[in-house]
């Protein structure tokens, strides 16, 4: 399970991740709508919260993608406001 809040956001967003088992080589990626990765964070535990600093991102829509063992597991849309 993955949650993103606040959404929409101005300066930051918290991503909460709860997994049934310990992840293998897991990561949280933030992609723009062209698919370009703009942020990446390592995920090491079954429960983790990652704070995304969105101040350097242009206003618009992004995808927050959680991957475990190289495969997408969860995806949420994130809106960054000006």
N, C-alpha and C. Protein backbone atom coordinates (compact mmCIF):
# COMPACT_ATOMS: atom_id res chain seq x y z
N UNK A 1 0.83 -1.17 0.00
CA UNK A 1 0.00 0.00 0.00
C UNK A 1 0.88 1.24 0.00
N UNK A 2 0.48 2.26 -0.76
CA UNK A 2 1.22 3.50 -0.84
C UNK A 2 0.25 4.67 -0.79
N UNK A 3 0.57 5.67 0.03
CA UNK A 3 -0.22 6.88 0.12
C UNK A 3 0.67 8.09 -0.14
N UNK A 4 0.12 9.12 -0.76
CA UNK A 4 0.85 10.37 -1.03
C UNK A 4 0.00 11.51 -0.50
N UNK A 5 0.58 12.32 0.40
CA UNK A 5 -0.16 13.47 0.92
C UNK A 5 0.81 14.55 1.39
N UNK A 6 0.47 15.82 1.36
CA UNK A 6 -0.75 16.33 0.75
C UNK A 6 -0.65 16.24 -0.77
N UNK A 7 -1.77 16.16 -1.41
CA UNK A 7 -1.81 16.07 -2.86
C UNK A 7 -3.09 16.75 -3.33
N UNK A 8 -2.99 17.90 -3.97
CA UNK A 8 -1.80 18.56 -4.52
C UNK A 8 -0.91 19.15 -3.41
N UNK A 9 0.34 19.49 -3.81
CA UNK A 9 1.33 19.98 -2.87
C UNK A 9 2.01 21.23 -3.41
N UNK A 10 2.68 21.93 -2.51
CA UNK A 10 3.46 23.11 -2.89
C UNK A 10 4.96 22.84 -2.71
N UNK A 11 5.36 22.45 -1.50
CA UNK A 11 6.79 22.33 -1.16
C UNK A 11 7.27 20.91 -0.90
N UNK A 12 6.39 20.05 -0.43
CA UNK A 12 6.78 18.69 -0.07
C UNK A 12 5.55 17.79 -0.08
N UNK A 13 5.82 16.50 -0.15
CA UNK A 13 4.77 15.50 -0.03
C UNK A 13 5.36 14.30 0.71
N UNK A 14 4.57 13.70 1.56
CA UNK A 14 5.00 12.51 2.30
C UNK A 14 4.40 11.28 1.61
N UNK A 15 5.26 10.30 1.37
CA UNK A 15 4.82 9.04 0.77
C UNK A 15 4.95 7.96 1.84
N UNK A 16 3.84 7.37 2.20
CA UNK A 16 3.84 6.27 3.17
C UNK A 16 3.74 4.94 2.45
N UNK A 17 4.62 4.02 2.82
CA UNK A 17 4.64 2.70 2.18
C UNK A 17 4.52 1.63 3.26
N UNK A 18 3.59 0.71 3.07
CA UNK A 18 3.42 -0.44 3.96
C UNK A 18 3.41 -1.69 3.10
N UNK A 19 4.33 -2.60 3.39
CA UNK A 19 4.49 -3.81 2.58
C UNK A 19 4.27 -5.06 3.41
N UNK A 20 3.81 -6.16 2.80
CA UNK A 20 3.59 -7.41 3.53
C UNK A 20 4.90 -8.12 3.86
N UNK A 21 5.98 -7.80 3.13
CA UNK A 21 7.28 -8.45 3.38
C UNK A 21 8.39 -7.45 3.11
N UNK A 22 9.60 -7.78 3.56
CA UNK A 22 10.75 -6.90 3.34
C UNK A 22 11.04 -6.83 1.84
N UNK A 23 11.18 -5.61 1.30
CA UNK A 23 11.40 -5.47 -0.14
C UNK A 23 12.82 -5.86 -0.56
N UNK A 24 12.96 -6.22 -1.84
CA UNK A 24 14.26 -6.54 -2.44
C UNK A 24 14.62 -5.44 -3.43
N UNK A 25 15.69 -4.71 -3.15
CA UNK A 25 16.16 -3.70 -4.10
C UNK A 25 15.02 -2.78 -4.53
N UNK A 26 14.28 -2.26 -3.55
CA UNK A 26 13.10 -1.45 -3.83
C UNK A 26 13.46 0.03 -3.93
N UNK A 27 12.66 0.75 -4.72
CA UNK A 27 12.89 2.18 -4.86
C UNK A 27 11.57 2.91 -5.09
N UNK A 28 11.59 4.18 -4.76
CA UNK A 28 10.48 5.07 -5.01
C UNK A 28 10.97 6.08 -6.04
N UNK A 29 10.30 6.15 -7.17
CA UNK A 29 10.72 7.03 -8.26
C UNK A 29 9.65 8.07 -8.52
N UNK A 30 10.09 9.29 -8.79
CA UNK A 30 9.18 10.36 -9.20
C UNK A 30 9.50 10.64 -10.66
N UNK A 31 8.48 10.52 -11.51
CA UNK A 31 8.65 10.70 -12.95
C UNK A 31 7.79 11.85 -13.43
N UNK A 32 8.33 12.61 -14.41
CA UNK A 32 7.46 13.58 -15.05
C UNK A 32 6.60 12.82 -16.06
N UNK A 33 5.68 13.51 -16.71
CA UNK A 33 4.75 12.79 -17.59
C UNK A 33 5.37 12.31 -18.89
N UNK A 34 6.63 12.68 -19.16
CA UNK A 34 7.34 12.13 -20.32
C UNK A 34 8.06 10.85 -19.94
N UNK A 35 8.04 10.50 -18.63
CA UNK A 35 8.72 9.29 -18.16
C UNK A 35 10.12 9.54 -17.64
N UNK A 36 10.57 10.80 -17.64
CA UNK A 36 11.91 11.14 -17.14
C UNK A 36 11.90 11.11 -15.62
N UNK A 37 12.87 10.40 -15.05
CA UNK A 37 12.99 10.32 -13.60
C UNK A 37 13.55 11.63 -13.06
N UNK A 38 12.84 12.22 -12.08
CA UNK A 38 13.30 13.47 -11.49
C UNK A 38 13.75 13.29 -10.04
N UNK A 39 13.37 12.18 -9.41
CA UNK A 39 13.83 11.83 -8.06
C UNK A 39 13.80 10.32 -7.91
N UNK A 40 14.72 9.82 -7.04
CA UNK A 40 14.72 8.38 -6.70
C UNK A 40 15.12 8.25 -5.24
N UNK A 41 14.42 7.36 -4.53
CA UNK A 41 14.69 7.12 -3.12
C UNK A 41 14.72 5.62 -2.86
N UNK A 42 15.68 5.15 -2.09
CA UNK A 42 15.76 3.73 -1.73
C UNK A 42 14.74 3.41 -0.66
N UNK A 43 14.13 2.23 -0.76
CA UNK A 43 13.16 1.75 0.23
C UNK A 43 13.76 0.50 0.86
N UNK A 44 13.90 0.54 2.21
CA UNK A 44 14.60 -0.55 2.88
C UNK A 44 13.75 -1.39 3.83
N UNK A 45 12.58 -0.89 4.22
CA UNK A 45 11.81 -1.62 5.20
C UNK A 45 10.38 -1.86 4.78
N UNK A 46 9.68 -2.64 5.62
CA UNK A 46 8.28 -2.96 5.33
C UNK A 46 7.37 -1.75 5.54
N UNK A 47 7.74 -0.87 6.46
CA UNK A 47 6.99 0.36 6.68
C UNK A 47 7.98 1.51 6.61
N UNK A 48 7.69 2.46 5.76
CA UNK A 48 8.62 3.57 5.59
C UNK A 48 7.86 4.79 5.12
N UNK A 49 8.35 5.95 5.53
CA UNK A 49 7.81 7.21 5.03
C UNK A 49 8.94 7.97 4.38
N UNK A 50 8.71 8.44 3.16
CA UNK A 50 9.68 9.22 2.40
C UNK A 50 9.08 10.60 2.17
N UNK A 51 9.86 11.63 2.49
CA UNK A 51 9.41 13.00 2.25
C UNK A 51 10.03 13.47 0.94
N UNK A 52 9.18 13.83 0.00
CA UNK A 52 9.62 14.32 -1.30
C UNK A 52 9.71 15.84 -1.25
N UNK A 53 10.88 16.39 -1.56
CA UNK A 53 11.06 17.83 -1.65
C UNK A 53 10.65 18.24 -3.07
N UNK A 54 9.54 18.92 -3.20
CA UNK A 54 9.02 19.27 -4.52
C UNK A 54 9.33 20.73 -4.90
N UNK A 55 10.11 21.43 -4.08
CA UNK A 55 10.40 22.84 -4.37
C UNK A 55 11.18 23.02 -5.67
N UNK A 56 11.98 22.03 -6.06
CA UNK A 56 12.75 22.13 -7.29
C UNK A 56 12.03 21.63 -8.53
N UNK A 57 10.80 21.16 -8.36
CA UNK A 57 10.04 20.63 -9.50
C UNK A 57 9.15 21.70 -10.11
N UNK A 58 9.03 21.69 -11.41
CA UNK A 58 8.13 22.61 -12.10
C UNK A 58 6.69 22.25 -11.74
N UNK A 59 5.82 23.24 -11.66
CA UNK A 59 4.40 22.94 -11.40
C UNK A 59 3.85 22.01 -12.48
N UNK A 60 3.01 21.08 -12.05
CA UNK A 60 2.40 20.15 -12.99
C UNK A 60 2.17 18.79 -12.37
N UNK A 61 1.92 17.80 -13.22
CA UNK A 61 1.61 16.44 -12.77
C UNK A 61 2.86 15.56 -12.86
N UNK A 62 2.99 14.66 -11.88
CA UNK A 62 4.09 13.70 -11.81
C UNK A 62 3.52 12.34 -11.41
N UNK A 63 4.28 11.30 -11.66
CA UNK A 63 3.92 9.96 -11.20
C UNK A 63 4.90 9.54 -10.12
N UNK A 64 4.37 9.05 -9.01
CA UNK A 64 5.18 8.48 -7.94
C UNK A 64 5.03 6.97 -8.08
N UNK A 65 6.14 6.29 -8.38
CA UNK A 65 6.11 4.85 -8.68
C UNK A 65 6.96 4.10 -7.67
N UNK A 66 6.35 3.12 -7.00
CA UNK A 66 7.09 2.24 -6.11
C UNK A 66 7.43 0.97 -6.87
N UNK A 67 8.73 0.61 -6.88
CA UNK A 67 9.19 -0.61 -7.54
C UNK A 67 9.85 -1.53 -6.54
N UNK A 68 9.60 -2.81 -6.65
CA UNK A 68 10.24 -3.83 -5.83
C UNK A 68 10.81 -4.87 -6.78
N UNK A 69 12.10 -5.16 -6.62
CA UNK A 69 12.81 -6.11 -7.49
C UNK A 69 12.67 -5.71 -8.97
N UNK A 70 12.68 -4.37 -9.22
CA UNK A 70 12.64 -3.88 -10.59
C UNK A 70 11.28 -3.86 -11.25
N UNK A 71 10.23 -4.27 -10.50
CA UNK A 71 8.88 -4.30 -11.08
C UNK A 71 7.99 -3.29 -10.38
N UNK A 72 7.18 -2.53 -11.15
CA UNK A 72 6.26 -1.58 -10.53
C UNK A 72 5.22 -2.30 -9.66
N UNK A 73 5.03 -1.79 -8.45
CA UNK A 73 4.08 -2.39 -7.52
C UNK A 73 2.90 -1.44 -7.26
N UNK A 74 3.20 -0.14 -7.16
CA UNK A 74 2.15 0.85 -6.90
C UNK A 74 2.51 2.15 -7.59
N UNK A 75 1.48 2.92 -7.93
CA UNK A 75 1.69 4.18 -8.64
C UNK A 75 0.60 5.17 -8.22
N UNK A 76 1.00 6.41 -7.97
CA UNK A 76 0.06 7.46 -7.62
C UNK A 76 0.43 8.72 -8.41
N UNK A 77 -0.57 9.49 -8.77
CA UNK A 77 -0.34 10.77 -9.44
C UNK A 77 -0.10 11.83 -8.37
N UNK A 78 0.87 12.72 -8.60
CA UNK A 78 1.18 13.82 -7.68
C UNK A 78 1.08 15.12 -8.46
N UNK A 79 0.36 16.07 -7.91
CA UNK A 79 0.22 17.40 -8.52
C UNK A 79 1.04 18.40 -7.71
N UNK A 80 1.98 19.07 -8.39
CA UNK A 80 2.79 20.13 -7.78
C UNK A 80 2.21 21.46 -8.24
N UNK A 81 1.82 22.28 -7.27
CA UNK A 81 1.23 23.57 -7.59
C UNK A 81 2.29 24.67 -7.54
N UNK A 82 2.07 25.77 -8.27
CA UNK A 82 3.05 26.88 -8.26
C UNK A 82 3.06 27.60 -6.91
